[in-house]
Full PDB file with SEQRES, HELIX, SHEET, SSBOND, CRYST1, ORIGX, SCALE, CONECT and MASTER records, all heavy atoms in Angstrom:
SEQRES   1 A   34  TYR GLY ARG SER ASP VAL THR LEU ARG ARG PHE ASP ASP          
SEQRES   2 A   34  PRO ASP THR PRO GLY LEU LEU ARG ASN MET PHE GLY GLN          
SEQRES   3 A   34  VAL LEU ILE CYS ILE HIS PRO VAL                              
HELIX    1 AA1 THR A   16  LEU A   20  1                                   5    
CRYST1    1.000    1.000    1.000  90.00  90.00  90.00 P 1           1          
ORIGX1      1.000000  0.000000  0.000000        0.00000                         
ORIGX2      0.000000  1.000000  0.000000        0.00000                         
ORIGX3      0.000000  0.000000  1.000000        0.00000                         
SCALE1      1.000000  0.000000  0.000000        0.00000                         
SCALE2      0.000000  1.000000  0.000000        0.00000                         
SCALE3      0.000000  0.000000  1.000000        0.00000                         
ATOM      1  N   TYR A   1     -28.883 -22.129 -23.668  1.00  0.00           N  
ATOM      2  CA  TYR A   1     -29.218 -21.442 -22.425  1.00  0.00           C  
ATOM      3  C   TYR A   1     -28.959 -19.932 -22.510  1.00  0.00           C  
ATOM      4  O   TYR A   1     -29.220 -19.214 -21.544  1.00  0.00           O  
ATOM      5  CB  TYR A   1     -28.409 -22.030 -21.265  1.00  0.00           C  
ATOM      6  CG  TYR A   1     -28.938 -23.338 -20.763  1.00  0.00           C  
ATOM      7  CD1 TYR A   1     -28.426 -24.539 -21.229  1.00  0.00           C  
ATOM      8  CD2 TYR A   1     -29.962 -23.397 -19.818  1.00  0.00           C  
ATOM      9  CE1 TYR A   1     -28.917 -25.755 -20.775  1.00  0.00           C  
ATOM     10  CE2 TYR A   1     -30.454 -24.606 -19.357  1.00  0.00           C  
ATOM     11  CZ  TYR A   1     -29.926 -25.780 -19.833  1.00  0.00           C  
ATOM     12  OH  TYR A   1     -30.407 -26.984 -19.392  1.00  0.00           O  
ATOM     13  N   GLY A   2     -28.423 -19.468 -23.631  1.00  0.00           N  
ATOM     14  CA  GLY A   2     -28.145 -18.041 -23.774  1.00  0.00           C  
ATOM     15  C   GLY A   2     -27.028 -17.545 -22.877  1.00  0.00           C  
ATOM     16  O   GLY A   2     -27.031 -16.394 -22.440  1.00  0.00           O  
ATOM     17  N   ARG A   3     -26.026 -18.414 -22.625  1.00  0.00           N  
ATOM     18  CA  ARG A   3     -24.956 -18.062 -21.696  1.00  0.00           C  
ATOM     19  C   ARG A   3     -23.754 -17.472 -22.431  1.00  0.00           C  
ATOM     20  O   ARG A   3     -22.699 -18.091 -22.548  1.00  0.00           O  
ATOM     21  CB  ARG A   3     -24.566 -19.286 -20.868  1.00  0.00           C  
ATOM     22  CG  ARG A   3     -25.650 -19.759 -19.930  1.00  0.00           C  
ATOM     23  CD  ARG A   3     -26.009 -18.694 -18.891  1.00  0.00           C  
ATOM     24  NE  ARG A   3     -24.870 -18.332 -18.061  1.00  0.00           N  
ATOM     25  CZ  ARG A   3     -24.589 -18.940 -16.912  1.00  0.00           C  
ATOM     26  NH1 ARG A   3     -25.379 -19.893 -16.458  1.00  0.00           N  
ATOM     27  NH2 ARG A   3     -23.546 -18.574 -16.216  1.00  0.00           N  
ATOM     28  N   SER A   4     -23.918 -16.256 -22.906  1.00  0.00           N  
ATOM     29  CA  SER A   4     -22.824 -15.581 -23.613  1.00  0.00           C  
ATOM     30  C   SER A   4     -21.727 -15.131 -22.662  1.00  0.00           C  
ATOM     31  O   SER A   4     -20.653 -14.698 -23.101  1.00  0.00           O  
ATOM     32  CB  SER A   4     -23.369 -14.374 -24.390  1.00  0.00           C  
ATOM     33  OG  SER A   4     -24.019 -13.473 -23.515  1.00  0.00           O  
ATOM     34  N   ASP A   5     -21.969 -15.229 -21.341  1.00  0.00           N  
ATOM     35  CA  ASP A   5     -20.961 -14.843 -20.365  1.00  0.00           C  
ATOM     36  C   ASP A   5     -19.879 -15.897 -20.208  1.00  0.00           C  
ATOM     37  O   ASP A   5     -18.838 -15.645 -19.601  1.00  0.00           O  
ATOM     38  CB  ASP A   5     -21.613 -14.616 -19.000  1.00  0.00           C  
ATOM     39  CG  ASP A   5     -22.317 -15.868 -18.490  1.00  0.00           C  
ATOM     40  OD1 ASP A   5     -23.231 -16.344 -19.191  1.00  0.00           O  
ATOM     41  OD2 ASP A   5     -21.957 -16.362 -17.398  1.00  0.00           O  
ATOM     42  N   VAL A   6     -20.087 -17.100 -20.756  1.00  0.00           N  
ATOM     43  CA  VAL A   6     -19.136 -18.204 -20.617  1.00  0.00           C  
ATOM     44  C   VAL A   6     -18.255 -18.285 -21.868  1.00  0.00           C  
ATOM     45  O   VAL A   6     -18.761 -18.340 -22.992  1.00  0.00           O  
ATOM     46  CB  VAL A   6     -19.861 -19.544 -20.410  1.00  0.00           C  
ATOM     47  CG1 VAL A   6     -18.845 -20.687 -20.310  1.00  0.00           C  
ATOM     48  CG2 VAL A   6     -20.738 -19.495 -19.167  1.00  0.00           C  
ATOM     49  N   THR A   7     -16.950 -18.281 -21.679  1.00  0.00           N  
ATOM     50  CA  THR A   7     -15.998 -18.489 -22.774  1.00  0.00           C  
ATOM     51  C   THR A   7     -15.534 -19.932 -22.719  1.00  0.00           C  
ATOM     52  O   THR A   7     -14.854 -20.335 -21.767  1.00  0.00           O  
ATOM     53  CB  THR A   7     -14.799 -17.540 -22.638  1.00  0.00           C  
ATOM     54  OG1 THR A   7     -15.257 -16.189 -22.671  1.00  0.00           O  
ATOM     55  CG2 THR A   7     -13.804 -17.771 -23.766  1.00  0.00           C  
ATOM     56  N   LEU A   8     -15.920 -20.726 -23.712  1.00  0.00           N  
ATOM     57  CA  LEU A   8     -15.566 -22.145 -23.750  1.00  0.00           C  
ATOM     58  C   LEU A   8     -14.504 -22.375 -24.812  1.00  0.00           C  
ATOM     59  O   LEU A   8     -14.679 -21.995 -25.969  1.00  0.00           O  
ATOM     60  CB  LEU A   8     -16.810 -22.987 -24.060  1.00  0.00           C  
ATOM     61  CG  LEU A   8     -16.592 -24.498 -24.192  1.00  0.00           C  
ATOM     62  CD1 LEU A   8     -16.130 -25.098 -22.867  1.00  0.00           C  
ATOM     63  CD2 LEU A   8     -17.862 -25.186 -24.671  1.00  0.00           C  
ATOM     64  N   ARG A   9     -13.400 -23.015 -24.428  1.00  0.00           N  
ATOM     65  CA  ARG A   9     -12.298 -23.282 -25.346  1.00  0.00           C  
ATOM     66  C   ARG A   9     -11.757 -24.694 -25.115  1.00  0.00           C  
ATOM     67  O   ARG A   9     -11.892 -25.253 -24.024  1.00  0.00           O  
ATOM     68  CB  ARG A   9     -11.143 -22.292 -25.128  1.00  0.00           C  
ATOM     69  CG  ARG A   9     -11.467 -20.858 -25.460  1.00  0.00           C  
ATOM     70  CD  ARG A   9     -11.547 -20.632 -26.961  1.00  0.00           C  
ATOM     71  NE  ARG A   9     -11.661 -19.217 -27.274  1.00  0.00           N  
ATOM     72  CZ  ARG A   9     -12.823 -18.546 -27.311  1.00  0.00           C  
ATOM     73  NH1 ARG A   9     -13.954 -19.174 -27.038  1.00  0.00           N  
ATOM     74  NH2 ARG A   9     -12.854 -17.266 -27.597  1.00  0.00           N  
ATOM     75  N   ARG A  10     -11.110 -25.246 -26.157  1.00  0.00           N  
ATOM     76  CA  ARG A  10     -10.302 -26.445 -25.951  1.00  0.00           C  
ATOM     77  C   ARG A  10      -9.067 -26.062 -25.137  1.00  0.00           C  
ATOM     78  O   ARG A  10      -8.553 -24.957 -25.263  1.00  0.00           O  
ATOM     79  CB  ARG A  10      -9.832 -27.034 -27.279  1.00  0.00           C  
ATOM     80  CG  ARG A  10     -10.894 -27.613 -28.147  1.00  0.00           C  
ATOM     81  CD  ARG A  10     -10.274 -28.442 -29.260  1.00  0.00           C  
ATOM     82  NE  ARG A  10      -9.040 -27.895 -29.782  1.00  0.00           N  
ATOM     83  CZ  ARG A  10      -8.954 -27.030 -30.787  1.00  0.00           C  
ATOM     84  NH1 ARG A  10     -10.043 -26.613 -31.392  1.00  0.00           N  
ATOM     85  NH2 ARG A  10      -7.784 -26.595 -31.195  1.00  0.00           N  
ATOM     86  N   PHE A  11      -8.593 -27.000 -24.342  1.00  0.00           N  
ATOM     87  CA  PHE A  11      -7.413 -26.705 -23.525  1.00  0.00           C  
ATOM     88  C   PHE A  11      -6.216 -26.371 -24.397  1.00  0.00           C  
ATOM     89  O   PHE A  11      -5.377 -25.542 -24.028  1.00  0.00           O  
ATOM     90  CB  PHE A  11      -7.097 -27.898 -22.622  1.00  0.00           C  
ATOM     91  CG  PHE A  11      -6.098 -27.576 -21.558  1.00  0.00           C  
ATOM     92  CD1 PHE A  11      -6.505 -27.017 -20.354  1.00  0.00           C  
ATOM     93  CD2 PHE A  11      -4.746 -27.811 -21.745  1.00  0.00           C  
ATOM     94  CE1 PHE A  11      -5.587 -26.699 -19.364  1.00  0.00           C  
ATOM     95  CE2 PHE A  11      -3.824 -27.509 -20.764  1.00  0.00           C  
ATOM     96  CZ  PHE A  11      -4.248 -26.944 -19.565  1.00  0.00           C  
ATOM     97  N   ASP A  12      -6.118 -27.013 -25.579  1.00  0.00           N  
ATOM     98  CA  ASP A  12      -4.967 -26.772 -26.453  1.00  0.00           C  
ATOM     99  C   ASP A  12      -5.211 -25.663 -27.463  1.00  0.00           C  
ATOM    100  O   ASP A  12      -4.442 -25.497 -28.406  1.00  0.00           O  
ATOM    101  CB  ASP A  12      -4.568 -28.064 -27.178  1.00  0.00           C  
ATOM    102  CG  ASP A  12      -5.691 -28.625 -28.048  1.00  0.00           C  
ATOM    103  OD1 ASP A  12      -6.806 -28.049 -28.051  1.00  0.00           O  
ATOM    104  OD2 ASP A  12      -5.457 -29.646 -28.737  1.00  0.00           O  
ATOM    105  N   ASP A  13      -6.275 -24.881 -27.294  1.00  0.00           N  
ATOM    106  CA  ASP A  13      -6.536 -23.762 -28.197  1.00  0.00           C  
ATOM    107  C   ASP A  13      -5.443 -22.704 -28.030  1.00  0.00           C  
ATOM    108  O   ASP A  13      -4.963 -22.469 -26.915  1.00  0.00           O  
ATOM    109  CB  ASP A  13      -7.907 -23.151 -27.882  1.00  0.00           C  
ATOM    110  CG  ASP A  13      -8.383 -22.208 -28.974  1.00  0.00           C  
ATOM    111  OD1 ASP A  13      -8.004 -21.020 -28.915  1.00  0.00           O  
ATOM    112  OD2 ASP A  13      -9.104 -22.658 -29.873  1.00  0.00           O  
ATOM    113  N   PRO A  14      -5.016 -22.037 -29.116  1.00  0.00           N  
ATOM    114  CA  PRO A  14      -3.922 -21.069 -29.021  1.00  0.00           C  
ATOM    115  C   PRO A  14      -4.169 -19.921 -28.044  1.00  0.00           C  
ATOM    116  O   PRO A  14      -3.214 -19.389 -27.475  1.00  0.00           O  
ATOM    117  CB  PRO A  14      -3.786 -20.544 -30.466  1.00  0.00           C  
ATOM    118  CG  PRO A  14      -4.314 -21.652 -31.317  1.00  0.00           C  
ATOM    119  CD  PRO A  14      -5.419 -22.275 -30.525  1.00  0.00           C  
ATOM    120  N   ASP A  15      -5.435 -19.525 -27.837  1.00  0.00           N  
ATOM    121  CA  ASP A  15      -5.658 -18.388 -26.946  1.00  0.00           C  
ATOM    122  C   ASP A  15      -5.898 -18.797 -25.493  1.00  0.00           C  
ATOM    123  O   ASP A  15      -6.116 -17.952 -24.633  1.00  0.00           O  
ATOM    124  CB  ASP A  15      -6.806 -17.507 -27.443  1.00  0.00           C  
ATOM    125  CG  ASP A  15      -8.166 -18.204 -27.359  1.00  0.00           C  
ATOM    126  OD1 ASP A  15      -8.197 -19.417 -27.104  1.00  0.00           O  
ATOM    127  OD2 ASP A  15      -9.182 -17.518 -27.577  1.00  0.00           O  
ATOM    128  N   THR A  16      -5.821 -20.106 -25.205  1.00  0.00           N  
ATOM    129  CA  THR A  16      -6.035 -20.561 -23.823  1.00  0.00           C  
ATOM    130  C   THR A  16      -5.008 -19.983 -22.841  1.00  0.00           C  
ATOM    131  O   THR A  16      -5.384 -19.522 -21.756  1.00  0.00           O  
ATOM    132  CB  THR A  16      -6.042 -22.097 -23.751  1.00  0.00           C  
ATOM    133  OG1 THR A  16      -7.177 -22.592 -24.465  1.00  0.00           O  
ATOM    134  CG2 THR A  16      -6.106 -22.582 -22.320  1.00  0.00           C  
ATOM    135  N   PRO A  17      -3.695 -19.982 -23.160  1.00  0.00           N  
ATOM    136  CA  PRO A  17      -2.739 -19.396 -22.210  1.00  0.00           C  
ATOM    137  C   PRO A  17      -3.077 -17.953 -21.850  1.00  0.00           C  
ATOM    138  O   PRO A  17      -2.943 -17.548 -20.687  1.00  0.00           O  
ATOM    139  CB  PRO A  17      -1.402 -19.501 -22.951  1.00  0.00           C  
ATOM    140  CG  PRO A  17      -1.578 -20.670 -23.859  1.00  0.00           C  
ATOM    141  CD  PRO A  17      -3.005 -20.595 -24.321  1.00  0.00           C  
ATOM    142  N   GLY A  18      -3.539 -17.185 -22.833  1.00  0.00           N  
ATOM    143  CA  GLY A  18      -3.914 -15.803 -22.547  1.00  0.00           C  
ATOM    144  C   GLY A  18      -5.119 -15.706 -21.633  1.00  0.00           C  
ATOM    145  O   GLY A  18      -5.176 -14.846 -20.742  1.00  0.00           O  
ATOM    146  N   LEU A  19      -6.085 -16.591 -21.830  1.00  0.00           N  
ATOM    147  CA  LEU A  19      -7.268 -16.586 -20.974  1.00  0.00           C  
ATOM    148  C   LEU A  19      -6.926 -16.934 -19.532  1.00  0.00           C  
ATOM    149  O   LEU A  19      -7.558 -16.444 -18.592  1.00  0.00           O  
ATOM    150  CB  LEU A  19      -8.299 -17.589 -21.510  1.00  0.00           C  
ATOM    151  CG  LEU A  19      -8.972 -17.248 -22.838  1.00  0.00           C  
ATOM    152  CD1 LEU A  19      -9.811 -18.427 -23.329  1.00  0.00           C  
ATOM    153  CD2 LEU A  19      -9.847 -16.010 -22.688  1.00  0.00           C  
ATOM    154  N   LEU A  20      -5.917 -17.795 -19.355  1.00  0.00           N  
ATOM    155  CA  LEU A  20      -5.550 -18.227 -18.010  1.00  0.00           C  
ATOM    156  C   LEU A  20      -4.682 -17.204 -17.279  1.00  0.00           C  
ATOM    157  O   LEU A  20      -4.513 -17.312 -16.065  1.00  0.00           O  
ATOM    158  CB  LEU A  20      -4.820 -19.567 -18.076  1.00  0.00           C  
ATOM    159  CG  LEU A  20      -5.674 -20.768 -18.483  1.00  0.00           C  
ATOM    160  CD1 LEU A  20      -4.818 -22.018 -18.616  1.00  0.00           C  
ATOM    161  CD2 LEU A  20      -6.793 -21.005 -17.479  1.00  0.00           C  
ATOM    162  N   ARG A  21      -4.142 -16.239 -18.003  1.00  0.00           N  
ATOM    163  CA  ARG A  21      -3.319 -15.219 -17.335  1.00  0.00           C  
ATOM    164  C   ARG A  21      -4.209 -14.146 -16.717  1.00  0.00           C  
ATOM    165  O   ARG A  21      -4.039 -12.952 -16.934  1.00  0.00           O  
ATOM    166  CB  ARG A  21      -2.322 -14.612 -18.325  1.00  0.00           C  
ATOM    167  CG  ARG A  21      -1.159 -15.533 -18.646  1.00  0.00           C  
ATOM    168  CD  ARG A  21      -0.016 -14.774 -19.292  1.00  0.00           C  
ATOM    169  NE  ARG A  21      -0.373 -14.280 -20.612  1.00  0.00           N  
ATOM    170  CZ  ARG A  21      -0.168 -14.955 -21.733  1.00  0.00           C  
ATOM    171  NH1 ARG A  21       0.390 -16.152 -21.707  1.00  0.00           N  
ATOM    172  NH2 ARG A  21      -0.514 -14.442 -22.901  1.00  0.00           N  
ATOM    173  N   ASN A  22      -5.176 -14.575 -15.963  1.00  0.00           N  
ATOM    174  CA  ASN A  22      -6.114 -13.676 -15.308  1.00  0.00           C  
ATOM    175  C   ASN A  22      -6.256 -14.073 -13.846  1.00  0.00           C  
ATOM    176  O   ASN A  22      -5.839 -15.153 -13.426  1.00  0.00           O  
ATOM    177  CB  ASN A  22      -7.495 -13.739 -15.994  1.00  0.00           C  
ATOM    178  CG  ASN A  22      -7.481 -13.127 -17.376  1.00  0.00           C  
ATOM    179  OD1 ASN A  22      -7.021 -12.009 -17.567  1.00  0.00           O  
ATOM    180  ND2 ASN A  22      -7.989 -13.859 -18.349  1.00  0.00           N  
ATOM    181  N   MET A  23      -6.879 -13.195 -13.090  1.00  0.00           N  
ATOM    182  CA  MET A  23      -7.209 -13.498 -11.704  1.00  0.00           C  
ATOM    183  C   MET A  23      -8.616 -14.083 -11.675  1.00  0.00           C  
ATOM    184  O   MET A  23      -9.537 -13.539 -12.287  1.00  0.00           O  
ATOM    185  CB  MET A  23      -7.154 -12.232 -10.862  1.00  0.00           C  
ATOM    186  CG  MET A  23      -5.791 -11.577 -10.796  1.00  0.00           C  
ATOM    187  SD  MET A  23      -4.605 -12.519  -9.799  1.00  0.00           S  
ATOM    188  CE  MET A  23      -5.324 -12.316  -8.175  1.00  0.00           C  
ATOM    189  N   PHE A  24      -8.779 -15.195 -10.988  1.00  0.00           N  
ATOM    190  CA  PHE A  24     -10.087 -15.832 -10.858  1.00  0.00           C  
ATOM    191  C   PHE A  24     -10.461 -15.930  -9.386  1.00  0.00           C  
ATOM    192  O   PHE A  24      -9.613 -16.222  -8.543  1.00  0.00           O  
ATOM    193  CB  PHE A  24     -10.069 -17.229 -11.473  1.00  0.00           C  
ATOM    194  CG  PHE A  24      -9.841 -17.238 -12.957  1.00  0.00           C  
ATOM    195  CD1 PHE A  24      -8.572 -17.443 -13.478  1.00  0.00           C  
ATOM    196  CD2 PHE A  24     -10.888 -17.037 -13.841  1.00  0.00           C  
ATOM    197  CE1 PHE A  24      -8.345 -17.450 -14.838  1.00  0.00           C  
ATOM    198  CE2 PHE A  24     -10.684 -17.048 -15.209  1.00  0.00           C  
ATOM    199  CZ  PHE A  24      -9.408 -17.252 -15.717  1.00  0.00           C  
ATOM    200  N   GLY A  25     -11.725 -15.703  -9.115  1.00  0.00           N  
ATOM    201  CA  GLY A  25     -12.181 -15.840  -7.738  1.00  0.00           C  
ATOM    202  C   GLY A  25     -12.138 -17.284  -7.270  1.00  0.00           C  
ATOM    203  O   GLY A  25     -11.709 -17.579  -6.162  1.00  0.00           O  
ATOM    204  N   GLN A  26     -12.585 -18.195  -8.147  1.00  0.00           N  
ATOM    205  CA  GLN A  26     -12.577 -19.618  -7.847  1.00  0.00           C  
ATOM    206  C   GLN A  26     -12.192 -20.387  -9.104  1.00  0.00           C  
ATOM    207  O   GLN A  26     -12.517 -19.979 -10.222  1.00  0.00           O  
ATOM    208  CB  GLN A  26     -13.952 -20.113  -7.376  1.00  0.00           C  
ATOM    209  CG  GLN A  26     -14.322 -19.720  -5.953  1.00  0.00           C  
ATOM    210  CD  GLN A  26     -14.783 -18.276  -5.869  1.00  0.00           C  
ATOM    211  OE1 GLN A  26     -15.465 -17.798  -6.773  1.00  0.00           O  
ATOM    212  NE2 GLN A  26     -14.409 -17.597  -4.802  1.00  0.00           N  
ATOM    213  N   VAL A  27     -11.520 -21.494  -8.902  1.00  0.00           N  
ATOM    214  CA  VAL A  27     -11.169 -22.400  -9.993  1.00  0.00           C  
ATOM    215  C   VAL A  27     -11.746 -23.768  -9.662  1.00  0.00           C  
ATOM    216  O   VAL A  27     -11.512 -24.305  -8.577  1.00  0.00           O  
ATOM    217  CB  VAL A  27      -9.640 -22.501 -10.179  1.00  0.00           C  
ATOM    218  CG1 VAL A  27      -9.302 -23.542 -11.254  1.00  0.00           C  
ATOM    219  CG2 VAL A  27      -9.060 -21.147 -10.560  1.00  0.00           C  
ATOM    220  N   LEU A  28     -12.507 -24.313 -10.602  1.00  0.00           N  
ATOM    221  CA  LEU A  28     -13.068 -25.649 -10.444  1.00  0.00           C  
ATOM    222  C   LEU A  28     -12.292 -26.618 -11.331  1.00  0.00           C  
ATOM    223  O   LEU A  28     -12.148 -26.386 -12.533  1.00  0.00           O  
ATOM    224  CB  LEU A  28     -14.544 -25.669 -10.839  1.00  0.00           C  
ATOM    225  CG  LEU A  28     -15.200 -27.053 -10.944  1.00  0.00           C  
ATOM    226  CD1 LEU A  28     -15.212 -27.752  -9.590  1.00  0.00           C  
ATOM    227  CD2 LEU A  28     -16.607 -26.939 -11.511  1.00  0.00           C  
ATOM    228  N   ILE A  29     -11.816 -27.698 -10.741  1.00  0.00           N  
ATOM    229  CA  ILE A  29     -11.100 -28.740 -11.480  1.00  0.00           C  
ATOM    230  C   ILE A  29     -11.947 -30.004 -11.461  1.00  0.00           C  
ATOM    231  O   ILE A  29     -12.297 -30.509 -10.393  1.00  0.00           O  
ATOM    232  CB  ILE A  29      -9.728 -29.019 -10.838  1.00  0.00           C  
ATOM    233  CG1 ILE A  29      -8.854 -27.765 -10.918  1.00  0.00           C  
ATOM    234  CG2 ILE A  29      -9.037 -30.205 -11.504  1.00  0.00           C  
ATOM    235  CD1 ILE A  29      -7.615 -27.836 -10.063  1.00  0.00           C  
ATOM    236  N   CYS A  30     -12.303 -30.488 -12.634  1.00  0.00           N  
ATOM    237  CA  CYS A  30     -13.123 -31.699 -12.741  1.00  0.00           C  
ATOM    238  C   CYS A  30     -12.248 -32.866 -13.195  1.00  0.00           C  
ATOM    239  O   CYS A  30     -11.508 -32.744 -14.173  1.00  0.00           O  
ATOM    240  CB  CYS A  30     -14.260 -31.495 -13.739  1.00  0.00           C  
ATOM    241  SG  CYS A  30     -15.392 -30.156 -13.304  1.00  0.00           S  
ATOM    242  N   ILE A  31     -12.343 -33.965 -12.490  1.00  0.00           N  
ATOM    243  CA  ILE A  31     -11.635 -35.188 -12.852  1.00  0.00           C  
ATOM    244  C   ILE A  31     -12.688 -36.246 -13.182  1.00  0.00           C  
ATOM    245  O   ILE A  31     -13.624 -36.457 -12.410  1.00  0.00           O  
ATOM    246  CB  ILE A  31     -10.734 -35.691 -11.708  1.00  0.00           C  
ATOM    247  CG1 ILE A  31      -9.794 -34.570 -11.233  1.00  0.00           C  
ATOM    248  CG2 ILE A  31      -9.954 -36.917 -12.140  1.00  0.00           C  
ATOM    249  CD1 ILE A  31      -8.819 -34.071 -12.274  1.00  0.00           C  
ATOM    250  N   HIS A  32     -12.546 -36.896 -14.330  1.00  0.00           N  
ATOM    251  CA  HIS A  32     -13.516 -37.879 -14.796  1.00  0.00           C  
ATOM    252  C   HIS A  32     -12.932 -39.290 -14.674  1.00  0.00           C  
ATOM    253  O   HIS A  32     -11.714 -39.480 -14.828  1.00  0.00           O  
ATOM    254  CB  HIS A  32     -13.911 -37.576 -16.233  1.00  0.00           C  
ATOM    255  CG  HIS A  32     -14.495 -36.210 -16.398  1.00  0.00           C  
ATOM    256  ND1 HIS A  32     -15.843 -35.967 -16.337  1.00  0.00           N  
ATOM    257  CD2 HIS A  32     -13.911 -35.001 -16.602  1.00  0.00           C  
ATOM    258  CE1 HIS A  32     -16.063 -34.673 -16.501  1.00  0.00           C  
ATOM    259  NE2 HIS A  32     -14.904 -34.063 -16.663  1.00  0.00           N  
ATOM    260  N   PRO A  33     -13.765 -40.290 -14.439  1.00  0.00           N  
ATOM    261  CA  PRO A  33     -13.257 -41.640 -14.173  1.00  0.00           C  
ATOM    262  C   PRO A  33     -12.376 -42.215 -15.267  1.00  0.00           C  
ATOM    263  O   PRO A  33     -11.349 -42.822 -14.983  1.00  0.00           O  
ATOM    264  CB  PRO A  33     -14.543 -42.467 -14.012  1.00  0.00           C  
ATOM    265  CG  PRO A  33     -15.567 -41.496 -13.573  1.00  0.00           C  
ATOM    266  CD  PRO A  33     -15.230 -40.217 -14.277  1.00  0.00           C  
ATOM    267  N   VAL A  34     -12.740 -42.024 -16.535  1.00  0.00           N  
ATOM    268  CA  VAL A  34     -12.029 -42.689 -17.629  1.00  0.00           C  
ATOM    269  C   VAL A  34     -10.757 -41.945 -18.018  1.00  0.00           C  
ATOM    270  O   VAL A  34      -9.800 -42.537 -18.498  1.00  0.00           O  
ATOM    271  CB  VAL A  34     -12.963 -42.844 -18.853  1.00  0.00           C  
ATOM    272  CG1 VAL A  34     -12.232 -43.486 -20.019  1.00  0.00           C  
ATOM    273  CG2 VAL A  34     -14.187 -43.674 -18.474  1.00  0.00           C  
TER     274      VAL A  34                                                      
MASTER        0    0    0    1    0    0    0    6  273    1    0    3          
END                                                                             
């Protein structure tokens, strides 16, 4: 889709804590059945 604006990481990736130390306008939490 050419979405270079999205940064996709594994939750356990080493740089994830740094990415989360930001201000976000909205946070979406998805819960899956399994």
